[in-house]
N, C-alpha and C. Protein backbone atom coordinates (compact mmCIF):
# COMPACT_ATOMS: atom_id res chain seq x y z
N GLY A 1 131.51 207.96 116.69
CA GLY A 1 132.37 207.09 115.91
C GLY A 1 131.59 205.92 115.34
N HIS A 2 132.30 205.06 114.66
CA HIS A 2 131.72 203.88 114.02
C HIS A 2 132.13 202.63 114.78
N LYS A 3 131.26 201.63 114.72
CA LYS A 3 131.58 200.36 115.35
C LYS A 3 132.60 199.59 114.51
N VAL A 4 133.50 198.92 115.18
CA VAL A 4 134.47 198.04 114.53
C VAL A 4 134.16 196.62 114.97
N LEU A 5 133.91 195.74 114.00
CA LEU A 5 133.54 194.37 114.32
C LEU A 5 134.57 193.40 113.74
N ALA A 6 134.77 192.32 114.44
CA ALA A 6 135.62 191.25 113.94
C ALA A 6 134.76 190.29 113.12
N VAL A 7 135.29 189.85 112.00
CA VAL A 7 134.59 188.92 111.13
C VAL A 7 135.40 187.64 111.04
N THR A 8 134.75 186.53 111.30
CA THR A 8 135.42 185.23 111.19
C THR A 8 135.21 184.66 109.80
N ALA A 9 136.30 184.40 109.10
CA ALA A 9 136.23 183.81 107.77
C ALA A 9 136.50 182.32 107.87
N VAL A 10 135.53 181.54 107.43
CA VAL A 10 135.69 180.08 107.46
C VAL A 10 135.44 179.56 106.04
N PRO A 11 136.44 179.02 105.37
CA PRO A 11 137.84 178.92 105.80
C PRO A 11 138.57 180.26 105.70
N PRO A 12 139.70 180.40 106.40
CA PRO A 12 140.42 181.67 106.41
C PRO A 12 140.84 182.15 105.03
N ASN A 13 141.05 181.24 104.09
CA ASN A 13 141.49 181.65 102.76
C ASN A 13 140.47 182.52 102.03
N GLU A 14 139.20 182.52 102.50
CA GLU A 14 138.19 183.36 101.88
C GLU A 14 138.52 184.84 102.02
N ALA A 15 139.31 185.19 103.02
CA ALA A 15 139.66 186.59 103.26
C ALA A 15 141.10 186.90 102.90
N ARG A 16 141.73 186.02 102.16
CA ARG A 16 143.13 186.22 101.79
C ARG A 16 143.26 187.43 100.87
N GLY A 17 144.22 188.29 101.17
CA GLY A 17 144.49 189.44 100.32
C GLY A 17 145.35 189.08 99.12
N ILE A 18 145.14 189.78 98.01
CA ILE A 18 145.97 189.58 96.82
C ILE A 18 146.52 190.94 96.43
N ASN A 19 147.74 191.19 96.88
CA ASN A 19 148.37 192.50 96.66
C ASN A 19 149.72 192.39 95.96
N SER A 20 150.06 191.20 95.51
CA SER A 20 151.33 191.02 94.82
C SER A 20 151.22 189.81 93.91
N ARG A 21 152.20 189.65 93.02
CA ARG A 21 152.20 188.48 92.14
C ARG A 21 152.39 187.19 92.94
N VAL A 22 153.13 187.26 94.02
CA VAL A 22 153.32 186.09 94.87
C VAL A 22 151.99 185.66 95.48
N GLN A 23 151.23 186.63 96.01
CA GLN A 23 149.94 186.30 96.61
C GLN A 23 148.94 185.82 95.56
N LEU A 24 149.03 186.35 94.33
CA LEU A 24 148.17 185.89 93.25
C LEU A 24 148.45 184.42 92.93
N THR A 25 149.72 184.07 92.89
CA THR A 25 150.10 182.68 92.64
C THR A 25 149.59 181.77 93.75
N GLU A 26 149.71 182.22 94.99
CA GLU A 26 149.21 181.42 96.12
C GLU A 26 147.70 181.23 96.03
N ALA A 27 146.98 182.29 95.64
CA ALA A 27 145.52 182.18 95.50
C ALA A 27 145.15 181.22 94.38
N ASN A 28 145.91 181.27 93.28
CA ASN A 28 145.65 180.35 92.17
C ASN A 28 145.82 178.89 92.61
N LYS A 29 146.83 178.63 93.44
CA LYS A 29 147.05 177.27 93.93
C LYS A 29 145.87 176.81 94.79
N ILE A 30 145.36 177.72 95.61
CA ILE A 30 144.21 177.38 96.45
C ILE A 30 143.00 177.05 95.59
N MET A 31 142.75 177.87 94.55
CA MET A 31 141.63 177.62 93.66
C MET A 31 141.79 176.32 92.90
N GLN A 32 143.02 176.04 92.44
CA GLN A 32 143.26 174.78 91.73
C GLN A 32 142.95 173.59 92.63
N ARG A 33 143.35 173.70 93.88
CA ARG A 33 143.08 172.60 94.81
C ARG A 33 141.58 172.37 94.93
N ARG A 34 140.80 173.44 95.02
CA ARG A 34 139.35 173.30 95.13
C ARG A 34 138.75 172.67 93.88
N ILE A 35 139.16 173.19 92.72
CA ILE A 35 138.64 172.67 91.45
C ILE A 35 138.94 171.19 91.32
N GLN A 36 140.18 170.82 91.60
CA GLN A 36 140.59 169.43 91.40
C GLN A 36 139.96 168.50 92.44
N LEU A 37 139.81 168.96 93.67
CA LEU A 37 139.15 168.12 94.68
C LEU A 37 137.71 167.81 94.27
N GLU A 38 137.01 168.81 93.75
CA GLU A 38 135.63 168.59 93.32
C GLU A 38 135.58 167.57 92.18
N LEU A 39 136.49 167.71 91.23
CA LEU A 39 136.52 166.75 90.12
C LEU A 39 136.83 165.34 90.61
N MET A 40 137.83 165.21 91.48
CA MET A 40 138.19 163.89 91.99
C MET A 40 137.06 163.27 92.80
N ASN A 41 136.35 164.09 93.56
CA ASN A 41 135.22 163.58 94.33
C ASN A 41 134.06 163.15 93.43
N ASN A 42 134.10 163.58 92.17
CA ASN A 42 133.07 163.20 91.20
C ASN A 42 133.56 162.16 90.20
N GLY A 43 134.65 161.47 90.54
CA GLY A 43 135.05 160.32 89.76
C GLY A 43 136.13 160.53 88.72
N VAL A 44 136.79 161.70 88.75
CA VAL A 44 137.90 161.96 87.83
C VAL A 44 139.21 161.63 88.54
N THR A 45 140.12 160.95 87.85
CA THR A 45 141.44 160.66 88.40
C THR A 45 142.43 161.72 87.92
N ILE A 46 143.04 162.42 88.85
CA ILE A 46 144.10 163.39 88.53
C ILE A 46 145.37 162.85 89.16
N VAL A 47 146.26 162.35 88.33
CA VAL A 47 147.41 161.59 88.82
C VAL A 47 148.33 162.45 89.68
N ASP A 48 148.56 163.69 89.27
CA ASP A 48 149.49 164.57 89.99
C ASP A 48 148.90 165.97 90.05
N PRO A 49 148.05 166.25 91.05
CA PRO A 49 147.38 167.55 91.11
C PRO A 49 148.33 168.73 91.15
N ASP A 50 149.50 168.57 91.74
CA ASP A 50 150.44 169.69 91.85
C ASP A 50 151.02 170.11 90.51
N ASN A 51 150.96 169.22 89.53
CA ASN A 51 151.52 169.52 88.22
C ASN A 51 150.47 169.41 87.12
N THR A 52 149.25 169.83 87.47
CA THR A 52 148.13 169.85 86.54
C THR A 52 147.38 171.16 86.74
N TRP A 53 146.93 171.78 85.63
CA TRP A 53 146.15 173.02 85.74
C TRP A 53 144.85 172.83 84.98
N ILE A 54 143.72 173.07 85.67
CA ILE A 54 142.39 172.88 85.08
C ILE A 54 141.55 174.12 85.32
N ASP A 55 141.01 174.68 84.24
CA ASP A 55 140.17 175.86 84.31
C ASP A 55 138.87 175.54 85.05
N ILE A 56 138.37 176.50 85.81
CA ILE A 56 137.13 176.30 86.55
C ILE A 56 135.95 176.06 85.61
N ARG A 57 136.07 176.51 84.35
CA ARG A 57 134.98 176.33 83.38
C ARG A 57 134.98 174.95 82.73
N ALA A 58 136.00 174.16 82.98
CA ALA A 58 136.10 172.83 82.35
C ALA A 58 135.11 171.86 82.98
N GLN A 59 134.56 170.98 82.15
CA GLN A 59 133.68 169.90 82.60
C GLN A 59 134.33 168.57 82.22
N ILE A 60 134.47 167.67 83.21
CA ILE A 60 135.17 166.41 82.97
C ILE A 60 134.33 165.26 83.52
N GLY A 61 134.12 164.23 82.69
CA GLY A 61 133.26 163.11 83.05
C GLY A 61 133.96 162.07 83.92
N GLN A 62 133.16 161.18 84.48
CA GLN A 62 133.65 160.13 85.37
C GLN A 62 134.60 159.18 84.65
N ASP A 63 135.51 158.64 85.43
CA ASP A 63 136.48 157.63 84.97
C ASP A 63 137.44 158.15 83.92
N THR A 64 137.53 159.45 83.80
CA THR A 64 138.57 160.05 82.96
C THR A 64 139.83 160.21 83.79
N VAL A 65 140.98 160.00 83.17
CA VAL A 65 142.28 160.11 83.84
C VAL A 65 143.04 161.28 83.25
N ILE A 66 143.48 162.18 84.12
CA ILE A 66 144.30 163.33 83.71
C ILE A 66 145.72 163.07 84.19
N GLU A 67 146.63 162.91 83.24
CA GLU A 67 148.02 162.62 83.56
C GLU A 67 148.78 163.91 83.90
N PRO A 68 149.97 163.81 84.50
CA PRO A 68 150.72 165.00 84.93
C PRO A 68 151.05 165.95 83.78
N PHE A 69 151.22 167.22 84.16
CA PHE A 69 151.64 168.30 83.27
C PHE A 69 150.64 168.54 82.15
N THR A 70 149.37 168.31 82.46
CA THR A 70 148.29 168.63 81.53
C THR A 70 147.75 170.01 81.86
N TYR A 71 147.45 170.80 80.80
CA TYR A 71 146.94 172.16 80.96
C TYR A 71 145.61 172.26 80.22
N ILE A 72 144.54 172.53 80.96
CA ILE A 72 143.20 172.61 80.39
C ILE A 72 142.68 174.02 80.61
N HIS A 73 142.51 174.77 79.52
CA HIS A 73 142.20 176.19 79.63
C HIS A 73 140.92 176.53 78.87
N GLY A 74 140.05 177.30 79.50
CA GLY A 74 138.83 177.76 78.84
C GLY A 74 137.68 176.79 79.02
N GLU A 75 136.65 176.99 78.21
CA GLU A 75 135.47 176.13 78.25
C GLU A 75 135.78 174.85 77.48
N VAL A 76 136.13 173.83 78.22
CA VAL A 76 136.51 172.53 77.67
C VAL A 76 135.58 171.47 78.26
N LYS A 77 135.08 170.57 77.41
CA LYS A 77 134.22 169.49 77.87
C LYS A 77 134.89 168.15 77.55
N ILE A 78 135.05 167.33 78.56
CA ILE A 78 135.67 166.01 78.41
C ILE A 78 134.67 164.97 78.91
N GLY A 79 134.43 163.96 78.09
CA GLY A 79 133.45 162.94 78.43
C GLY A 79 133.98 161.90 79.40
N GLN A 80 133.34 160.76 79.43
CA GLN A 80 133.69 159.69 80.35
C GLN A 80 134.75 158.77 79.75
N GLY A 81 135.58 158.23 80.63
CA GLY A 81 136.54 157.21 80.23
C GLY A 81 137.65 157.69 79.32
N CYS A 82 137.94 158.98 79.33
CA CYS A 82 139.03 159.51 78.51
C CYS A 82 140.35 159.42 79.26
N ARG A 83 141.43 159.53 78.52
CA ARG A 83 142.77 159.60 79.11
C ARG A 83 143.50 160.76 78.43
N VAL A 84 143.95 161.72 79.24
CA VAL A 84 144.54 162.95 78.72
C VAL A 84 145.92 163.14 79.33
N GLY A 85 146.94 163.30 78.47
CA GLY A 85 148.28 163.56 78.94
C GLY A 85 149.15 162.32 78.95
N PRO A 86 150.38 162.47 79.47
CA PRO A 86 150.95 163.68 80.09
C PRO A 86 151.32 164.74 79.05
N PHE A 87 151.55 165.95 79.55
CA PHE A 87 151.97 167.08 78.73
C PHE A 87 150.98 167.38 77.61
N ALA A 88 149.68 167.27 77.88
CA ALA A 88 148.66 167.62 76.90
C ALA A 88 148.17 169.04 77.17
N HIS A 89 147.70 169.71 76.09
CA HIS A 89 147.21 171.08 76.19
C HIS A 89 145.85 171.14 75.51
N LEU A 90 144.80 171.36 76.30
CA LEU A 90 143.44 171.49 75.77
C LEU A 90 143.01 172.94 75.91
N ARG A 91 142.64 173.54 74.77
CA ARG A 91 142.31 174.96 74.75
C ARG A 91 140.81 175.18 74.58
N HIS A 92 140.43 176.44 74.71
CA HIS A 92 139.02 176.84 74.70
C HIS A 92 138.28 176.27 73.49
N GLY A 93 137.07 175.78 73.74
CA GLY A 93 136.24 175.27 72.67
C GLY A 93 136.45 173.80 72.34
N THR A 94 137.28 173.12 73.11
CA THR A 94 137.54 171.71 72.86
C THR A 94 136.46 170.84 73.50
N VAL A 95 135.99 169.87 72.74
CA VAL A 95 135.03 168.88 73.25
C VAL A 95 135.59 167.49 72.96
N LEU A 96 135.81 166.71 73.99
CA LEU A 96 136.18 165.31 73.85
C LEU A 96 134.97 164.48 74.26
N GLU A 97 134.49 163.62 73.38
CA GLU A 97 133.40 162.74 73.76
C GLU A 97 133.97 161.58 74.58
N ASN A 98 133.37 160.43 74.58
CA ASN A 98 133.79 159.37 75.50
C ASN A 98 134.95 158.55 74.94
N ASP A 99 135.79 158.05 75.85
CA ASP A 99 136.86 157.10 75.52
C ASP A 99 137.89 157.66 74.54
N VAL A 100 138.13 158.94 74.61
CA VAL A 100 139.15 159.59 73.77
C VAL A 100 140.50 159.49 74.49
N VAL A 101 141.57 159.26 73.73
CA VAL A 101 142.91 159.21 74.29
C VAL A 101 143.76 160.29 73.63
N LEU A 102 144.29 161.20 74.44
CA LEU A 102 145.23 162.22 73.98
C LEU A 102 146.52 162.03 74.74
N GLY A 103 147.61 161.80 74.02
CA GLY A 103 148.86 161.48 74.68
C GLY A 103 149.81 162.64 74.79
N VAL A 104 151.08 162.28 74.89
CA VAL A 104 152.14 163.23 75.21
C VAL A 104 152.28 164.30 74.12
N PHE A 105 152.36 165.57 74.56
CA PHE A 105 152.56 166.72 73.69
C PHE A 105 151.51 166.80 72.58
N THR A 106 150.27 166.56 72.94
CA THR A 106 149.15 166.73 72.01
C THR A 106 148.37 167.97 72.41
N GLU A 107 148.07 168.82 71.42
CA GLU A 107 147.33 170.06 71.66
C GLU A 107 146.04 170.02 70.85
N VAL A 108 144.93 170.40 71.50
CA VAL A 108 143.64 170.47 70.83
C VAL A 108 143.02 171.83 71.11
N LYS A 109 142.54 172.47 70.03
CA LYS A 109 141.94 173.80 70.17
C LYS A 109 140.65 173.87 69.37
N ASN A 110 139.57 174.29 70.01
CA ASN A 110 138.31 174.58 69.33
C ASN A 110 137.89 173.44 68.41
N SER A 111 137.97 172.23 68.91
CA SER A 111 137.69 171.05 68.09
C SER A 111 136.82 170.07 68.87
N THR A 112 136.07 169.26 68.12
CA THR A 112 135.27 168.19 68.71
C THR A 112 135.81 166.85 68.26
N LEU A 113 136.15 166.00 69.22
CA LEU A 113 136.67 164.66 68.95
C LEU A 113 135.63 163.65 69.43
N ALA A 114 135.13 162.86 68.50
CA ALA A 114 134.05 161.92 68.81
C ALA A 114 134.60 160.70 69.57
N ASP A 115 133.70 159.81 69.94
CA ASP A 115 134.05 158.64 70.75
C ASP A 115 135.20 157.85 70.13
N GLY A 116 136.15 157.48 70.98
CA GLY A 116 137.19 156.55 70.57
C GLY A 116 138.33 157.12 69.75
N VAL A 117 138.42 158.43 69.63
CA VAL A 117 139.54 159.03 68.89
C VAL A 117 140.84 158.80 69.66
N ARG A 118 141.93 158.54 68.91
CA ARG A 118 143.25 158.34 69.50
C ARG A 118 144.23 159.31 68.85
N ALA A 119 144.89 160.11 69.68
CA ALA A 119 145.99 160.97 69.23
C ALA A 119 147.05 160.88 70.33
N ARG A 120 147.90 159.89 70.24
CA ARG A 120 148.76 159.53 71.36
C ARG A 120 150.08 160.30 71.42
N HIS A 121 150.54 160.86 70.30
CA HIS A 121 151.88 161.43 70.31
C HIS A 121 151.97 162.69 69.43
N HIS A 122 152.36 163.82 70.02
CA HIS A 122 152.83 164.99 69.28
C HIS A 122 151.88 165.42 68.15
N SER A 123 150.61 165.58 68.44
CA SER A 123 149.66 166.01 67.42
C SER A 123 149.11 167.39 67.75
N TYR A 124 148.74 168.13 66.68
CA TYR A 124 147.99 169.38 66.85
C TYR A 124 146.68 169.24 66.09
N ILE A 125 145.58 169.42 66.81
CA ILE A 125 144.25 169.35 66.21
C ILE A 125 143.56 170.68 66.51
N GLY A 126 143.43 171.52 65.49
CA GLY A 126 142.85 172.84 65.68
C GLY A 126 141.68 173.08 64.74
N ASP A 127 140.58 173.59 65.29
CA ASP A 127 139.41 173.96 64.49
C ASP A 127 138.95 172.79 63.62
N ALA A 128 138.72 171.67 64.26
CA ALA A 128 138.41 170.44 63.53
C ALA A 128 137.24 169.70 64.17
N ALA A 129 136.58 168.88 63.35
CA ALA A 129 135.61 167.91 63.82
C ALA A 129 136.13 166.54 63.43
N VAL A 130 136.42 165.70 64.41
CA VAL A 130 137.04 164.40 64.18
C VAL A 130 136.02 163.32 64.52
N GLY A 131 135.75 162.44 63.56
CA GLY A 131 134.72 161.42 63.73
C GLY A 131 135.13 160.28 64.64
N ARG A 132 134.25 159.33 64.81
CA ARG A 132 134.44 158.21 65.73
C ARG A 132 135.60 157.32 65.29
N ASN A 133 136.34 156.84 66.30
CA ASN A 133 137.38 155.82 66.10
C ASN A 133 138.45 156.22 65.10
N VAL A 134 138.77 157.49 65.07
CA VAL A 134 139.86 157.98 64.21
C VAL A 134 141.18 157.83 64.95
N ASN A 135 142.20 157.38 64.24
CA ASN A 135 143.55 157.31 64.81
C ASN A 135 144.42 158.38 64.15
N MET A 136 144.95 159.28 64.97
CA MET A 136 145.87 160.32 64.50
C MET A 136 147.28 159.87 64.85
N GLY A 137 148.10 159.58 63.84
CA GLY A 137 149.45 159.11 64.09
C GLY A 137 150.35 160.19 64.67
N ALA A 138 151.51 159.77 65.15
CA ALA A 138 152.47 160.70 65.75
C ALA A 138 152.83 161.81 64.77
N ASP A 139 152.87 163.06 65.29
CA ASP A 139 153.27 164.24 64.52
C ASP A 139 152.29 164.61 63.43
N SER A 140 151.10 164.04 63.42
CA SER A 140 150.08 164.47 62.45
C SER A 140 149.43 165.75 62.95
N ILE A 141 149.11 166.66 62.01
CA ILE A 141 148.55 167.96 62.40
C ILE A 141 147.46 168.39 61.43
N THR A 142 146.61 169.29 61.93
CA THR A 142 145.72 170.04 61.06
C THR A 142 146.34 171.42 60.88
N ALA A 143 146.60 171.79 59.63
CA ALA A 143 147.16 173.11 59.31
C ALA A 143 145.98 174.04 59.07
N ASN A 144 145.54 174.72 60.13
CA ASN A 144 144.26 175.42 60.09
C ASN A 144 144.36 176.90 59.71
N PHE A 145 145.56 177.47 59.65
CA PHE A 145 145.71 178.91 59.39
C PHE A 145 146.47 179.11 58.09
N ASP A 146 145.86 179.86 57.17
CA ASP A 146 146.47 180.05 55.85
C ASP A 146 147.22 181.38 55.72
N GLY A 147 147.45 182.04 56.83
CA GLY A 147 148.12 183.33 56.83
C GLY A 147 147.16 184.50 56.91
N GLU A 148 145.90 184.26 56.61
CA GLU A 148 144.88 185.30 56.67
C GLU A 148 143.71 184.92 57.58
N LYS A 149 143.28 183.68 57.50
CA LYS A 149 142.13 183.26 58.31
C LYS A 149 142.28 181.81 58.74
N VAL A 150 141.51 181.47 59.77
CA VAL A 150 141.49 180.11 60.29
C VAL A 150 140.43 179.31 59.53
N ASN A 151 140.79 178.10 59.12
CA ASN A 151 139.89 177.24 58.36
C ASN A 151 139.66 175.93 59.12
N ARG A 152 138.56 175.26 58.78
CA ARG A 152 138.17 174.06 59.51
C ARG A 152 138.54 172.79 58.75
N THR A 153 138.76 171.73 59.53
CA THR A 153 139.00 170.39 59.01
C THR A 153 137.92 169.46 59.54
N ASN A 154 137.32 168.69 58.65
CA ASN A 154 136.32 167.69 59.05
C ASN A 154 136.82 166.31 58.65
N ILE A 155 136.98 165.45 59.64
CA ILE A 155 137.49 164.09 59.42
C ILE A 155 136.36 163.11 59.74
N GLY A 156 136.04 162.24 58.79
CA GLY A 156 134.94 161.31 58.97
C GLY A 156 135.24 160.21 59.98
N ASN A 157 134.30 159.31 60.14
CA ASN A 157 134.46 158.20 61.08
C ASN A 157 135.46 157.17 60.55
N ASP A 158 136.11 156.48 61.47
CA ASP A 158 136.96 155.31 61.15
C ASP A 158 138.09 155.64 60.18
N CYS A 159 138.64 156.82 60.30
CA CYS A 159 139.77 157.21 59.45
C CYS A 159 141.09 156.88 60.13
N TYR A 160 142.11 156.67 59.31
CA TYR A 160 143.47 156.46 59.81
C TYR A 160 144.34 157.56 59.22
N ILE A 161 144.96 158.34 60.10
CA ILE A 161 145.85 159.42 59.69
C ILE A 161 147.26 159.01 60.07
N GLY A 162 148.12 158.77 59.09
CA GLY A 162 149.45 158.26 59.36
C GLY A 162 150.37 159.28 60.01
N SER A 163 151.47 158.79 60.54
CA SER A 163 152.44 159.64 61.23
C SER A 163 152.96 160.73 60.30
N GLY A 164 153.03 161.95 60.82
CA GLY A 164 153.60 163.05 60.07
C GLY A 164 152.72 163.61 58.98
N ALA A 165 151.47 163.17 58.90
CA ALA A 165 150.56 163.70 57.89
C ALA A 165 150.18 165.14 58.22
N VAL A 166 150.05 165.96 57.17
CA VAL A 166 149.63 167.35 57.32
C VAL A 166 148.31 167.52 56.60
N LEU A 167 147.27 167.89 57.33
CA LEU A 167 145.94 168.09 56.76
C LEU A 167 145.71 169.58 56.61
N ILE A 168 145.71 170.06 55.37
CA ILE A 168 145.63 171.49 55.10
C ILE A 168 144.17 171.91 54.97
N ALA A 169 143.71 172.72 55.90
CA ALA A 169 142.33 173.21 55.88
C ALA A 169 142.19 174.37 54.89
N PRO A 170 140.96 174.55 54.35
CA PRO A 170 139.74 173.78 54.61
C PRO A 170 139.80 172.40 53.96
N LEU A 171 139.33 171.40 54.72
CA LEU A 171 139.48 170.02 54.26
C LEU A 171 138.36 169.16 54.83
N GLU A 172 137.87 168.24 54.01
CA GLU A 172 136.90 167.26 54.48
C GLU A 172 137.34 165.88 54.01
N LEU A 173 137.53 164.97 54.97
CA LEU A 173 137.90 163.59 54.66
C LEU A 173 136.69 162.69 54.87
N LYS A 174 136.44 161.81 53.91
CA LYS A 174 135.30 160.91 53.98
C LYS A 174 135.52 159.82 55.03
N ASP A 175 134.42 159.20 55.46
CA ASP A 175 134.51 158.06 56.37
C ASP A 175 135.45 157.00 55.80
N GLY A 176 136.28 156.45 56.67
CA GLY A 176 137.15 155.35 56.27
C GLY A 176 138.38 155.74 55.48
N SER A 177 138.67 157.03 55.40
CA SER A 177 139.87 157.45 54.66
C SER A 177 141.12 156.93 55.34
N HIS A 178 142.12 156.59 54.53
CA HIS A 178 143.40 156.07 55.03
C HIS A 178 144.50 156.94 54.44
N ILE A 179 145.11 157.77 55.30
CA ILE A 179 146.14 158.71 54.86
C ILE A 179 147.50 158.16 55.27
N SER A 180 148.36 157.93 54.30
CA SER A 180 149.67 157.34 54.57
C SER A 180 150.58 158.30 55.31
N ALA A 181 151.58 157.75 55.98
CA ALA A 181 152.54 158.55 56.75
C ALA A 181 153.21 159.58 55.85
N GLY A 182 153.34 160.80 56.38
CA GLY A 182 154.06 161.85 55.68
C GLY A 182 153.30 162.53 54.56
N THR A 183 152.04 162.19 54.35
CA THR A 183 151.27 162.76 53.25
C THR A 183 150.79 164.17 53.60
N VAL A 184 150.87 165.07 52.62
CA VAL A 184 150.30 166.40 52.74
C VAL A 184 148.98 166.39 51.99
N VAL A 185 147.89 166.64 52.70
CA VAL A 185 146.55 166.50 52.11
C VAL A 185 145.86 167.86 52.06
N SER A 186 145.42 168.24 50.87
CA SER A 186 144.54 169.40 50.70
C SER A 186 143.24 168.91 50.08
N GLN A 187 142.25 169.79 50.00
CA GLN A 187 140.98 169.35 49.42
C GLN A 187 141.14 168.93 47.96
N GLU A 188 142.12 169.52 47.28
CA GLU A 188 142.34 169.20 45.86
C GLU A 188 142.69 167.73 45.65
N ASN A 189 143.46 167.16 46.59
CA ASN A 189 143.86 165.76 46.40
C ASN A 189 143.19 164.79 47.37
N ALA A 190 142.33 165.32 48.26
CA ALA A 190 141.74 164.46 49.30
C ALA A 190 140.91 163.33 48.71
N ASP A 191 140.17 163.62 47.65
CA ASP A 191 139.29 162.60 47.08
C ASP A 191 140.06 161.50 46.37
N LYS A 192 141.32 161.77 46.02
CA LYS A 192 142.13 160.78 45.31
C LYS A 192 142.99 159.97 46.27
N LEU A 193 143.12 160.47 47.50
CA LEU A 193 144.02 159.82 48.46
C LEU A 193 143.25 158.97 49.45
N GLY A 194 143.87 157.88 49.85
CA GLY A 194 143.52 157.23 51.10
C GLY A 194 142.27 156.41 51.14
N GLN A 195 141.55 156.22 50.02
CA GLN A 195 140.37 155.37 50.11
C GLN A 195 140.77 153.91 50.08
N LYS A 196 140.35 153.15 51.08
CA LYS A 196 140.67 151.73 51.14
C LYS A 196 140.01 150.99 49.99
N GLU A 197 140.66 149.93 49.54
CA GLU A 197 140.08 149.09 48.49
C GLU A 197 138.78 148.47 48.99
N GLN A 198 137.76 148.55 48.17
CA GLN A 198 136.47 148.00 48.55
C GLN A 198 136.38 146.53 48.15
N LYS A 199 135.95 145.69 49.07
CA LYS A 199 135.80 144.27 48.79
C LYS A 199 134.36 143.85 49.06
N ASP A 200 133.78 143.13 48.13
CA ASP A 200 132.41 142.65 48.29
C ASP A 200 132.39 141.38 49.13
């Protein structure tokens, strides 16, 4: 016959079986706890770990605060001193540099947001490069899909995007552009819109 040996698993959860959807959910909770503990031990504040989901592939810098009901999925990089949530959704390919603020019901996908970007309320930023110190007003969005393909939006530094503005990709906004609330911007009218008066 064959020898039968007892194996001690330390911690016991290393040998947990996953044979049902219930057990899969329990295993996910265990993994989330590990991921979040490591982040918190490295200087990240997670206000409510039980109501936050963070992908194991995510990288988050020190002194960043993750508010409740935030969902971070895929390869996401978040710099130092950021504030994310509550109810924020960060998808694969998102890069937040330092001191970025993403507020309630803001979604970011496959985009890079430079230092100091603010999108505090109900924004969608998809397939975009957003420059330094840009303010995205409430309900402002990048319209990145034209029905056939996904297009990119490039927003320069120090831009102001008013509430309810729709940025229709492909689009490039120059540094310092000022887009009024409710404006629909395409590349055709981008050069005529939003340039602040120059004063010597």
